[in-house]
PDB file of N, CA and C in Angstrom:
ATOM      1  N   MET A   1       0.889  -1.232  -0.078  1.00  0.00           N
ATOM      2  CA  MET A   1       0.247   0.116  -0.298  1.00  0.00           C
ATOM      3  C   MET A   1       0.617   1.119  -0.172  1.00  0.00           C
ATOM      4  N   ILE A   2       0.293   2.048  -0.401  1.00  0.00           N
ATOM      5  CA  ILE A   2       0.742   3.579  -0.659  1.00  0.00           C
ATOM      6  C   ILE A   2       0.341   4.918   0.233  1.00  0.00           C
ATOM      7  N   MET A   3       0.761   4.980   1.011  1.00  0.00           N
ATOM      8  CA  MET A   3       0.252   6.122   2.210  1.00  0.00           C
ATOM      9  C   MET A   3       0.451   7.330   1.898  1.00  0.00           C
ATOM     10  N   HIS A   4      -0.457   8.468   1.938  1.00  0.00           N
ATOM     11  CA  HIS A   4      -0.061  10.015   1.899  1.00  0.00           C
ATOM     12  C   HIS A   4       1.630  10.280   2.402  1.00  0.00           C
ATOM     13  N   PRO A   5       2.111  11.497   1.294  1.00  0.00           N
ATOM     14  CA  PRO A   5       3.314  11.737   2.325  1.00  0.00           C
ATOM     15  C   PRO A   5       3.249  12.525   3.239  1.00  0.00           C
ATOM     16  N   ASP A   6       2.347  13.464   3.647  1.00  0.00           N
ATOM     17  CA  ASP A   6       1.854  14.040   5.026  1.00  0.00           C
ATOM     18  C   ASP A   6       1.476  13.217   6.218  1.00  0.00           C
ATOM     19  N   ALA A   7       0.804  11.920   6.191  1.00  0.00           N
ATOM     20  CA  ALA A   7       0.723  11.655   7.228  1.00  0.00           C
ATOM     21  C   ALA A   7       1.246  10.842   7.685  1.00  0.00           C
ATOM     22  N   GLU A   8       0.847  11.897   9.211  1.00  0.00           N
ATOM     23  CA  GLU A   8       1.805  11.519  10.717  1.00  0.00           C
ATOM     24  C   GLU A   8       1.804   9.532  10.845  1.00  0.00           C
ATOM     25  N   ASP A   9       3.495   9.987  11.877  1.00  0.00           N
ATOM     26  CA  ASP A   9       3.732   8.410  12.159  1.00  0.00           C
ATOM     27  C   ASP A   9       2.536   8.072  12.761  1.00  0.00           C
ATOM     28  N   GLU A  10       2.325   8.672  13.606  1.00  0.00           N
ATOM     29  CA  GLU A  10       1.315   7.881  14.608  1.00  0.00           C
ATOM     30  C   GLU A  10      -0.044   7.414  13.581  1.00  0.00           C
ATOM     31  N   THR A  11      -0.395   8.250  12.828  1.00  0.00           N
ATOM     32  CA  THR A  11      -1.801   8.111  11.763  1.00  0.00           C
ATOM     33  C   THR A  11      -1.482   6.393  11.173  1.00  0.00           C
ATOM     34  N   ARG A  12      -0.420   6.768  10.485  1.00  0.00           N
ATOM     35  CA  ARG A  12       0.544   5.649   9.950  1.00  0.00           C
ATOM     36  C   ARG A  12       0.353   4.091  10.031  1.00  0.00           C
ATOM     37  N   ALA A  13       0.784   4.338  11.761  1.00  0.00           N
ATOM     38  CA  ALA A  13       0.821   2.996  12.731  1.00  0.00           C
ATOM     39  C   ALA A  13      -0.183   2.271  13.027  1.00  0.00           C
ATOM     40  N   ALA A  14      -1.065   3.892  13.195  1.00  0.00           N
ATOM     41  CA  ALA A  14      -2.503   3.228  13.905  1.00  0.00           C
ATOM     42  C   ALA A  14      -3.398   2.145  12.395  1.00  0.00           C
ATOM     43  N   LEU A  15      -3.486   2.947  11.303  1.00  0.00           N
ATOM     44  CA  LEU A  15      -3.574   2.151  10.220  1.00  0.00           C
ATOM     45  C   LEU A  15      -3.321   0.675   9.694  1.00  0.00           C
ATOM     46  N   LEU A  16      -1.402   0.986   9.783  1.00  0.00           N
ATOM     47  CA  LEU A  16      -1.121  -0.760  10.150  1.00  0.00           C
ATOM     48  C   LEU A  16      -1.903  -1.811  11.208  1.00  0.00           C
ATOM     49  N   ASP A  17      -1.616  -1.269  12.409  1.00  0.00           N
ATOM     50  CA  ASP A  17      -2.084  -1.888  13.317  1.00  0.00           C
ATOM     51  C   ASP A  17      -3.945  -2.248  13.139  1.00  0.00           C
ATOM     52  N   ARG A  18      -4.434  -1.284  12.588  1.00  0.00           N
ATOM     53  CA  ARG A  18      -6.016  -1.794  12.693  1.00  0.00           C
ATOM     54  C   ARG A  18      -6.194  -2.984  11.289  1.00  0.00           C
ATOM     55  N   VAL A  19      -5.089  -2.811  10.303  1.00  0.00           N
ATOM     56  CA  VAL A  19      -5.114  -4.131   9.159  1.00  0.00           C
ATOM     57  C   VAL A  19      -5.181  -5.168  10.196  1.00  0.00           C
ATOM     58  N   ARG A  20      -4.032  -5.413  10.997  1.00  0.00           N
ATOM     59  CA  ARG A  20      -2.941  -5.840  11.820  1.00  0.00           C
ATOM     60  C   ARG A  20      -4.457  -7.081  12.315  1.00  0.00           C
ATOM     61  N   GLU A  21      -5.319  -5.837  13.109  1.00  0.00           N
ATOM     62  CA  GLU A  21      -6.433  -6.330  14.052  1.00  0.00           C
ATOM     63  C   GLU A  21      -7.638  -6.971  13.266  1.00  0.00           C
ATOM     64  N   ILE A  22      -7.368  -6.642  12.283  1.00  0.00           N
ATOM     65  CA  ILE A  22      -8.568  -7.085  11.173  1.00  0.00           C
ATOM     66  C   ILE A  22      -8.308  -8.789  10.594  1.00  0.00           C
ATOM     67  N   ILE A  23      -6.875  -8.787  10.524  1.00  0.00           N
ATOM     68  CA  ILE A  23      -6.815 -10.166  10.375  1.00  0.00           C
ATOM     69  C   ILE A  23      -6.265 -10.854  11.262  1.00  0.00           C
ATOM     70  N   THR A  24      -6.297 -10.843  12.269  1.00  0.00           N
ATOM     71  CA  THR A  24      -6.002 -11.821  13.398  1.00  0.00           C
ATOM     72  C   THR A  24      -7.499 -12.092  14.110  1.00  0.00           C
ATOM     73  N   ASN A  25      -8.361 -11.175  14.198  1.00  0.00           N
ATOM     74  CA  ASN A  25      -9.819 -11.188  14.692  1.00  0.00           C
ATOM     75  C   ASN A  25     -10.051 -12.352  13.720  1.00  0.00           C
ATOM     76  N   GLU A  26     -10.120 -12.405  12.496  1.00  0.00           N
ATOM     77  CA  GLU A  26     -10.233 -13.332  11.269  1.00  0.00           C
ATOM     78  C   GLU A  26      -9.415 -14.994  11.302  1.00  0.00           C
ATOM     79  N   GLN A  27      -9.126 -14.701  12.651  1.00  0.00           N
ATOM     80  CA  GLN A  27      -8.112 -15.724  12.592  1.00  0.00           C
ATOM     81  C   GLN A  27      -7.133 -15.690  11.428  1.00  0.00           C
ATOM     82  N   GLY A  28      -6.769 -15.243  10.557  1.00  0.00           N
ATOM     83  CA  GLY A  28      -5.812 -15.156  10.145  1.00  0.00           C
ATOM     84  C   GLY A  28      -4.133 -14.718  10.991  1.00  0.00           C
ATOM     85  N   THR A  29      -3.204 -14.980   9.716  1.00  0.00           N
ATOM     86  CA  THR A  29      -1.753 -14.832  10.439  1.00  0.00           C
ATOM     87  C   THR A  29      -1.166 -13.421   9.748  1.00  0.00           C
ATOM     88  N   VAL A  30      -0.630 -12.927  10.637  1.00  0.00           N
ATOM     89  CA  VAL A  30       0.178 -11.337   9.697  1.00  0.00           C
ATOM     90  C   VAL A  30       1.445 -11.848  10.141  1.00  0.00           C
ATOM     91  N   GLY A  31       2.157 -11.680   8.338  1.00  0.00           N
ATOM     92  CA  GLY A  31       3.970 -11.914   8.542  1.00  0.00           C
ATOM     93  C   GLY A  31       4.704 -10.955   8.902  1.00  0.00           C
ATOM     94  N   LYS A  32       5.390 -10.582   8.321  1.00  0.00           N
ATOM     95  CA  LYS A  32       5.775  -9.273   8.913  1.00  0.00           C
ATOM     96  C   LYS A  32       5.470  -8.475   7.575  1.00  0.00           C
ATOM     97  N   THR A  33       6.077  -6.600   8.035  1.00  0.00           N
ATOM     98  CA  THR A  33       5.389  -6.012   7.553  1.00  0.00           C
ATOM     99  C   THR A  33       6.470  -4.875   6.892  1.00  0.00           C
ATOM    100  N   ASP A  34       7.071  -4.763   5.778  1.00  0.00           N
ATOM    101  CA  ASP A  34       8.092  -4.149   5.415  1.00  0.00           C
ATOM    102  C   ASP A  34       7.998  -2.836   5.006  1.00  0.00           C
ATOM    103  N   GLU A  35       8.668  -1.905   5.343  1.00  0.00           N
ATOM    104  CA  GLU A  35       8.432  -0.437   5.676  1.00  0.00           C
ATOM    105  C   GLU A  35       9.730   0.112   4.514  1.00  0.00           C
ATOM    106  N   TRP A  36       9.317   0.385   3.461  1.00  0.00           N
ATOM    107  CA  TRP A  36      10.181   1.106   1.895  1.00  0.00           C
ATOM    108  C   TRP A  36      10.245   2.696   2.397  1.00  0.00           C
ATOM    109  N   GLY A  37       9.816   3.175   3.074  1.00  0.00           N
ATOM    110  CA  GLY A  37       9.703   4.630   3.486  1.00  0.00           C
ATOM    111  C   GLY A  37       9.355   5.460   2.413  1.00  0.00           C
ATOM    112  N   LYS A  38       9.539   6.542   2.096  1.00  0.00           N
ATOM    113  CA  LYS A  38       8.549   7.809   1.646  1.00  0.00           C
ATOM    114  C   LYS A  38       9.720   7.770  -0.259  1.00  0.00           C
ATOM    115  N   ARG A  39       9.068   7.143  -0.817  1.00  0.00           N
ATOM    116  CA  ARG A  39       9.615   7.041  -2.360  1.00  0.00           C
ATOM    117  C   ARG A  39       8.914   8.327  -3.357  1.00  0.00           C
ATOM    118  N   ARG A  40       9.661   8.090  -4.222  1.00  0.00           N
ATOM    119  CA  ARG A  40       9.108   9.372  -5.557  1.00  0.00           C
ATOM    120  C   ARG A  40       8.575   8.610  -6.443  1.00  0.00           C
ATOM    121  N   PHE A  41       6.834   8.820  -7.045  1.00  0.00           N
ATOM    122  CA  PHE A  41       6.424   8.026  -7.925  1.00  0.00           C
ATOM    123  C   PHE A  41       6.614   8.473  -9.306  1.00  0.00           C
ATOM    124  N   ALA A  42       6.354   7.391 -10.210  1.00  0.00           N
ATOM    125  CA  ALA A  42       7.100   7.105 -11.827  1.00  0.00           C
ATOM    126  C   ALA A  42       5.665   8.726 -12.256  1.00  0.00           C
ATOM    127  N   TYR A  43       5.057   8.354 -11.570  1.00  0.00           N
ATOM    128  CA  TYR A  43       3.948   9.578 -11.890  1.00  0.00           C
ATOM    129  C   TYR A  43       2.872   9.769 -11.101  1.00  0.00           C
ATOM    130  N   GLU A  44       2.339  11.033 -11.440  1.00  0.00           N
ATOM    131  CA  GLU A  44       1.508  11.391 -10.247  1.00  0.00           C
ATOM    132  C   GLU A  44       0.290  10.563 -10.123  1.00  0.00           C
ATOM    133  N   ILE A  45      -0.120  10.714  -8.324  1.00  0.00           N
ATOM    134  CA  ILE A  45      -1.310  10.267  -7.985  1.00  0.00           C
ATOM    135  C   ILE A  45      -2.050  11.133  -7.478  1.00  0.00           C
ATOM    136  N   ASP A  46      -3.222  12.037  -7.794  1.00  0.00           N
ATOM    137  CA  ASP A  46      -3.951  12.695  -7.812  1.00  0.00           C
ATOM    138  C   ASP A  46      -2.917  14.331  -6.856  1.00  0.00           C
ATOM    139  N   HIS A  47      -2.116  14.575  -8.108  1.00  0.00           N
ATOM    140  CA  HIS A  47      -1.287  15.598  -8.114  1.00  0.00           C
ATOM    141  C   HIS A  47      -0.102  15.135  -6.518  1.00  0.00           C
ATOM    142  N   ILE A  48       0.107  14.370  -6.156  1.00  0.00           N
ATOM    143  CA  ILE A  48       1.095  14.190  -5.431  1.00  0.00           C
ATOM    144  C   ILE A  48       1.846  13.183  -5.881  1.00  0.00           C
ATOM    145  N   ASN A  49       3.123  13.297  -5.490  1.00  0.00           N
ATOM    146  CA  ASN A  49       4.720  12.949  -6.410  1.00  0.00           C
ATOM    147  C   ASN A  49       4.962  11.880  -5.701  1.00  0.00           C
ATOM    148  N   GLU A  50       5.076  11.508  -4.278  1.00  0.00           N
ATOM    149  CA  GLU A  50       5.492  10.901  -3.620  1.00  0.00           C
ATOM    150  C   GLU A  50       4.674  10.069  -2.415  1.00  0.00           C
ATOM    151  N   GLY A  51       5.252   9.011  -2.010  1.00  0.00           N
ATOM    152  CA  GLY A  51       4.300   8.315  -0.723  1.00  0.00           C
ATOM    153  C   GLY A  51       5.102   7.333  -0.232  1.00  0.00           C
ATOM    154  N   TYR A  52       4.650   6.993   0.888  1.00  0.00           N
ATOM    155  CA  TYR A  52       5.305   6.165   1.939  1.00  0.00           C
ATOM    156  C   TYR A  52       4.501   4.780   1.755  1.00  0.00           C
ATOM    157  N   TYR A  53       5.217   3.992   1.517  1.00  0.00           N
ATOM    158  CA  TYR A  53       5.069   2.228   0.502  1.00  0.00           C
ATOM    159  C   TYR A  53       5.330   1.547   1.739  1.00  0.00           C
ATOM    160  N   TYR A  54       4.380   0.170   2.074  1.00  0.00           N
ATOM    161  CA  TYR A  54       4.424  -0.653   2.817  1.00  0.00           C
ATOM    162  C   TYR A  54       3.546  -1.967   2.126  1.00  0.00           C
ATOM    163  N   VAL A  55       4.768  -2.903   2.403  1.00  0.00           N
ATOM    164  CA  VAL A  55       4.532  -4.460   2.083  1.00  0.00           C
ATOM    165  C   VAL A  55       3.618  -5.348   3.509  1.00  0.00           C
ATOM    166  N   MET A  56       2.862  -5.837   3.446  1.00  0.00           N
ATOM    167  CA  MET A  56       2.267  -6.310   4.387  1.00  0.00           C
ATOM    168  C   MET A  56       1.800  -8.123   4.158  1.00  0.00           C
ATOM    169  N   TYR A  57       2.791  -8.738   4.784  1.00  0.00           N
ATOM    170  CA  TYR A  57       2.475 -10.453   4.087  1.00  0.00           C
ATOM    171  C   TYR A  57       1.470 -10.842   5.448  1.00  0.00           C
ATOM    172  N   PHE A  58       0.717 -11.746   4.987  1.00  0.00           N
ATOM    173  CA  PHE A  58      -0.537 -12.231   5.913  1.00  0.00           C
ATOM    174  C   PHE A  58      -1.081 -13.072   5.123  1.00  0.00           C
ATOM    175  N   LYS A  59      -1.801 -14.078   5.856  1.00  0.00           N
ATOM    176  CA  LYS A  59      -2.370 -15.128   5.372  1.00  0.00           C
ATOM    177  C   LYS A  59      -3.992 -15.096   6.195  1.00  0.00           C
ATOM    178  N   ALA A  60      -5.007 -14.862   4.973  1.00  0.00           N
ATOM    179  CA  ALA A  60      -6.376 -15.148   5.639  1.00  0.00           C
ATOM    180  C   ALA A  60      -7.598 -15.139   4.897  1.00  0.00           C
ATOM    181  N   GLU A  61      -8.631 -15.421   4.797  1.00  0.00           N
ATOM    182  CA  GLU A  61      -9.403 -15.660   4.174  1.00  0.00           C
ATOM    183  C   GLU A  61     -10.206 -15.181   3.161  1.00  0.00           C
ATOM    184  N   PRO A  62     -10.804 -14.773   1.884  1.00  0.00           N
ATOM    185  CA  PRO A  62     -11.524 -14.120   0.955  1.00  0.00           C
ATOM    186  C   PRO A  62     -12.223 -13.069   1.783  1.00  0.00           C
ATOM    187  N   LYS A  63     -13.037 -13.209   2.857  1.00  0.00           N
ATOM    188  CA  LYS A  63     -13.831 -12.195   3.031  1.00  0.00           C
ATOM    189  C   LYS A  63     -12.673 -11.408   4.111  1.00  0.00           C
ATOM    190  N   THR A  64     -11.772 -12.411   4.857  1.00  0.00           N
ATOM    191  CA  THR A  64     -11.188 -10.758   5.792  1.00  0.00           C
ATOM    192  C   THR A  64     -10.488  -9.943   4.460  1.00  0.00           C
ATOM    193  N   LEU A  65     -10.446 -10.502   3.552  1.00  0.00           N
ATOM    194  CA  LEU A  65      -9.430  -9.707   2.327  1.00  0.00           C
ATOM    195  C   LEU A  65      -9.661  -8.405   2.106  1.00  0.00           C
ATOM    196  N   ASP A  66     -11.458  -8.745   1.498  1.00  0.00           N
ATOM    197  CA  ASP A  66     -12.315  -8.125   0.990  1.00  0.00           C
ATOM    198  C   ASP A  66     -12.534  -6.983   2.739  1.00  0.00           C
ATOM    199  N   GLU A  67     -12.791  -7.404   4.052  1.00  0.00           N
ATOM    200  CA  GLU A  67     -12.828  -5.907   4.881  1.00  0.00           C
ATOM    201  C   GLU A  67     -11.459  -4.976   4.829  1.00  0.00           C
ATOM    202  N   ILE A  68     -10.325  -5.682   4.546  1.00  0.00           N
ATOM    203  CA  ILE A  68      -9.226  -5.214   4.681  1.00  0.00           C
ATOM    204  C   ILE A  68      -8.939  -4.116   3.212  1.00  0.00           C
ATOM    205  N   THR A  69      -9.465  -4.226   2.110  1.00  0.00           N
ATOM    206  CA  THR A  69      -9.867  -3.513   0.646  1.00  0.00           C
ATOM    207  C   THR A  69     -10.725  -2.402   1.395  1.00  0.00           C
ATOM    208  N   ARG A  70     -11.761  -2.890   1.664  1.00  0.00           N
ATOM    209  CA  ARG A  70     -12.752  -1.675   2.293  1.00  0.00           C
ATOM    210  C   ARG A  70     -12.155  -0.815   3.504  1.00  0.00           C
ATOM    211  N   VAL A  71     -11.547  -1.080   4.044  1.00  0.00           N
ATOM    212  CA  VAL A  71     -10.765  -0.297   5.317  1.00  0.00           C
ATOM    213  C   VAL A  71     -10.283   0.924   4.490  1.00  0.00           C
ATOM    214  N   LEU A  72      -9.236   0.249   3.613  1.00  0.00           N
ATOM    215  CA  LEU A  72      -8.004   0.780   3.080  1.00  0.00           C
ATOM    216  C   LEU A  72      -8.838   2.032   2.066  1.00  0.00           C
ATOM    217  N   LYS A  73      -9.899   1.585   1.796  1.00  0.00           N
ATOM    218  CA  LYS A  73     -10.591   2.443   0.470  1.00  0.00           C
ATOM    219  C   LYS A  73     -10.920   3.731   1.304  1.00  0.00           C
ATOM    220  N   ILE A  74     -11.275   3.475   2.637  1.00  0.00           N
ATOM    221  CA  ILE A  74     -12.270   4.951   2.344  1.00  0.00           C
ATOM    222  C   ILE A  74     -11.256   5.242   3.927  1.00  0.00           C
ATOM    223  N   ALA A  75      -9.943   5.096   3.698  1.00  0.00           N
ATOM    224  CA  ALA A  75      -8.660   5.860   4.805  1.00  0.00           C
ATOM    225  C   ALA A  75      -8.480   6.902   4.114  1.00  0.00           C
ATOM    226  N   ASP A  76      -8.592   8.233   4.306  1.00  0.00           N
ATOM    227  CA  ASP A  76      -7.953   9.078   3.593  1.00  0.00           C
ATOM    228  C   ASP A  76      -6.514   9.424   3.725  1.00  0.00           C
ATOM    229  N   THR A  77      -5.398   8.318   4.583  1.00  0.00           N
ATOM    230  CA  THR A  77      -4.262   8.390   4.400  1.00  0.00           C
ATOM    231  C   THR A  77      -3.809   7.728   3.473  1.00  0.00           C
ATOM    232  N   VAL A  78      -4.632   6.960   2.769  1.00  0.00           N
ATOM    233  CA  VAL A  78      -3.866   5.746   1.770  1.00  0.00           C
ATOM    234  C   VAL A  78      -4.642   6.022   0.098  1.00  0.00           C
ATOM    235  N   LEU A  79      -3.227   6.146  -0.555  1.00  0.00           N
ATOM    236  CA  LEU A  79      -3.158   6.679  -1.841  1.00  0.00           C
ATOM    237  C   LEU A  79      -3.873   5.253  -2.722  1.00  0.00           C
ATOM    238  N   ARG A  80      -2.691   4.214  -2.744  1.00  0.00           N
ATOM    239  CA  ARG A  80      -3.205   3.365  -3.474  1.00  0.00           C
ATOM    240  C   ARG A  80      -3.033   2.070  -2.294  1.00  0.00           C
ATOM    241  N   ALA A  81      -3.977   0.698  -2.857  1.00  0.00           N
ATOM    242  CA  ALA A  81      -3.441  -0.411  -2.115  1.00  0.00           C
ATOM    243  C   ALA A  81      -3.702  -1.604  -3.076  1.00  0.00           C
ATOM    244  N   MET A  82      -2.857  -2.733  -3.527  1.00  0.00           N
ATOM    245  CA  MET A  82      -2.846  -3.895  -3.947  1.00  0.00           C
ATOM    246  C   MET A  82      -2.848  -4.875  -3.959  1.00  0.00           C
ATOM    247  N   PRO A  83      -3.600  -5.693  -3.300  1.00  0.00           N
ATOM    248  CA  PRO A  83      -3.611  -7.064  -2.946  1.00  0.00           C
ATOM    249  C   PRO A  83      -2.676  -8.005  -3.913  1.00  0.00           C
ATOM    250  N   VAL A  84      -2.216  -8.805  -3.180  1.00  0.00           N
ATOM    251  CA  VAL A  84      -1.606  -9.669  -4.296  1.00  0.00           C
ATOM    252  C   VAL A  84      -1.317 -11.278  -3.825  1.00  0.00           C
ATOM    253  N   ARG A  85      -1.697 -12.259  -4.777  1.00  0.00           N
ATOM    254  CA  ARG A  85      -1.453 -13.482  -3.804  1.00  0.00           C
ATOM    255  C   ARG A  85      -0.126 -14.112  -4.269  1.00  0.00           C
ATOM    256  N   MET A  86       0.779 -14.546  -3.192  1.00  0.00           N
ATOM    257  CA  MET A  86       1.864 -15.363  -3.121  1.00  0.00           C
ATOM    258  C   MET A  86       1.657 -16.938  -3.519  1.00  0.00           C
ATOM    259  N   PRO A  87       2.826 -17.632  -3.663  1.00  0.00           N
ATOM    260  CA  PRO A  87       2.478 -19.189  -3.783  1.00  0.00           C
ATOM    261  C   PRO A  87       2.470 -19.564  -2.489  1.00  0.00           C
ATOM    262  N   GLU A  88       2.101 -20.725  -2.222  1.00  0.00           N
ATOM    263  CA  GLU A  88       1.489 -21.124  -0.939  1.00  0.00           C
ATOM    264  C   GLU A  88       2.889 -21.872  -0.331  1.00  0.00           C
ATOM    265  N   LYS A  89       3.670 -22.614  -1.266  1.00  0.00           N
ATOM    266  CA  LYS A  89       4.675 -22.957  -0.494  1.00  0.00           C
ATOM    267  C   LYS A  89       5.773 -23.143  -1.199  1.00  0.00           C
ATOM    268  N   GLY A  90       6.709 -22.510  -0.923  1.00  0.00           N
ATOM    269  CA  GLY A  90       8.374 -22.238  -1.837  1.00  0.00           C
ATOM    270  C   GLY A  90       8.414 -20.737  -2.254  1.00  0.00           C
ATOM    271  N   GLY A  91       7.238 -19.863  -1.697  1.00  0.00           N
ATOM    272  CA  GLY A  91       7.536 -18.488  -2.018  1.00  0.00           C
ATOM    273  C   GLY A  91       7.849 -17.688  -1.009  1.00  0.00           C
ATOM    274  N   ILE A  92       7.472 -16.480  -1.580  1.00  0.00           N
ATOM    275  CA  ILE A  92       8.044 -15.467  -0.534  1.00  0.00           C
ATOM    276  C   ILE A  92       7.062 -15.518   0.522  1.00  0.00           C
ATOM    277  N   ALA A  93       5.678 -15.975   0.281  1.00  0.00           N
ATOM    278  CA  ALA A  93       4.717 -16.047   1.264  1.00  0.00           C
ATOM    279  C   ALA A  93       5.109 -17.002   2.235  1.00  0.00           C
ATOM    280  N   SER A  94       5.695 -17.898   2.363  1.00  0.00           N
ATOM    281  CA  SER A  94       5.800 -19.407   2.983  1.00  0.00           C
ATOM    282  C   SER A  94       7.048 -18.805   3.932  1.00  0.00           C
ATOM    283  N   ALA A  95       7.834 -18.310   3.542  1.00  0.00           N
ATOM    284  CA  ALA A  95       9.035 -17.856   4.427  1.00  0.00           C
ATOM    285  C   ALA A  95       8.853 -16.496   5.195  1.00  0.00           C
ATOM    286  N   ASP A  96       7.731 -15.830   4.791  1.00  0.00           N
ATOM    287  CA  ASP A  96       7.752 -14.627   5.363  1.00  0.00           C
ATOM    288  C   ASP A  96       6.881 -14.870   6.693  1.00  0.00           C
ATOM    289  N   ILE A  97       6.173 -15.988   6.457  1.00  0.00           N
ATOM    290  CA  ILE A  97       5.097 -15.624   7.582  1.00  0.00           C
ATOM    291  C   ILE A  97       5.180 -16.982   8.431  1.00  0.00           C
ATOM    292  N   ALA A  98       4.459 -16.893   9.501  1.00  0.00           N
ATOM    293  CA  ALA A  98       4.895 -18.040  10.270  1.00  0.00           C
ATOM    294  C   ALA A  98       3.956 -19.066  10.491  1.00  0.00           C
ATOM    295  N   PRO A  99       4.426 -20.390  10.657  1.00  0.00           N
ATOM    296  CA  PRO A  99       3.169 -21.226  10.421  1.00  0.00           C
ATOM    297  C   PRO A  99       1.958 -21.519  10.986  1.00  0.00           C
ATOM    298  N   VAL A 100       1.159 -22.205  10.376  1.00  0.00           N
ATOM    299  CA  VAL A 100       0.131 -22.019  10.859  1.00  0.00           C
ATOM    300  C   VAL A 100       0.166 -23.623  11.645  1.00  0.00           C
ATOM    301  N   ALA A 101      -0.954 -23.780  12.739  1.00  0.00           N
ATOM    302  CA  ALA A 101      -0.630 -25.265  13.749  1.00  0.00           C
ATOM    303  C   ALA A 101      -1.033 -26.280  12.615  1.00  0.00           C
ATOM    304  N   ASP A 102      -2.092 -26.044  11.733  1.00  0.00           N
ATOM    305  CA  ASP A 102      -2.106 -27.108  10.856  1.00  0.00           C
ATOM    306  C   ASP A 102      -1.044 -27.759   9.834  1.00  0.00           C
ATOM    307  N   ASP A 103       0.048 -26.444   9.605  1.00  0.00           N
ATOM    308  CA  ASP A 103       0.984 -26.651   8.928  1.00  0.00           C
ATOM    309  C   ASP A 103       2.441 -27.335   8.750  1.00  0.00           C
ATOM    310  N   VAL A 104       1.823 -27.173  10.521  1.00  0.00           N
ATOM    311  CA  VAL A 104       3.450 -27.751  11.556  1.00  0.00           C
ATOM    312  C   VAL A 104       3.612 -29.204  11.002  1.00  0.00           C
ATOM    313  N   PRO A 105       4.896 -29.911  10.557  1.00  0.00           N
ATOM    314  CA  PRO A 105       4.782 -31.863  10.649  1.00  0.00           C
ATOM    315  C   PRO A 105       5.246 -31.951  12.184  1.00  0.00           C
ATOM    316  N   ASP A 106       4.050 -33.116  12.227  1.00  0.00           N
ATOM    317  CA  ASP A 106       4.479 -34.128  13.604  1.00  0.00           C
ATOM    318  C   ASP A 106       6.417 -33.726  13.699  1.00  0.00           C
ATOM    319  N   GLU A 107       6.403 -34.086  15.092  1.00  0.00           N
ATOM    320  CA  GLU A 107       7.611 -34.400  15.351  1.00  0.00           C
ATOM    321  C   GLU A 107       7.711 -35.999  15.794  1.00  0.00           C
ATOM    322  N   GLU A 108       8.220 -36.330  15.453  1.00  0.00           N
ATOM    323  CA  GLU A 108       8.437 -38.520  15.723  1.00  0.00           C
ATOM    324  C   GLU A 108       9.598 -38.455  16.577  1.00  0.00           C
TER     325      GLU A 108
END
C-alpha cells in the first residue's frame, strides 16, 4: 500500500495496526511488514509526487481480504493499495509468515 506523504507517523502506524487487528480477529496470520519509506512516484497520483510504501505479508480468508480492502479504500491516508496472492509453498509468503498450527509437521 502507498500512504499519503503528509500522514503523521502515528496515523500510519494506527492504520497498519487496524489492518493487523482485522486479520487476527478473523483467525488469519500476520507475517512481517516491510516499510520501504517515502519514495517518489513514476507518475502523479491525485497531484501527489511521493508517498510512504508498505508491504504486509499475511494469510487470511477471502472475506478478511474484502474487509481490509474496504477499510483501506475509505482511509484518507491511503493513496493506493493492491493485494497480491503469493505462492502457497516455496515462495515469499511461506518464508515471511509463521506456520499455522495445521501446517507444522509432526515430530517423531
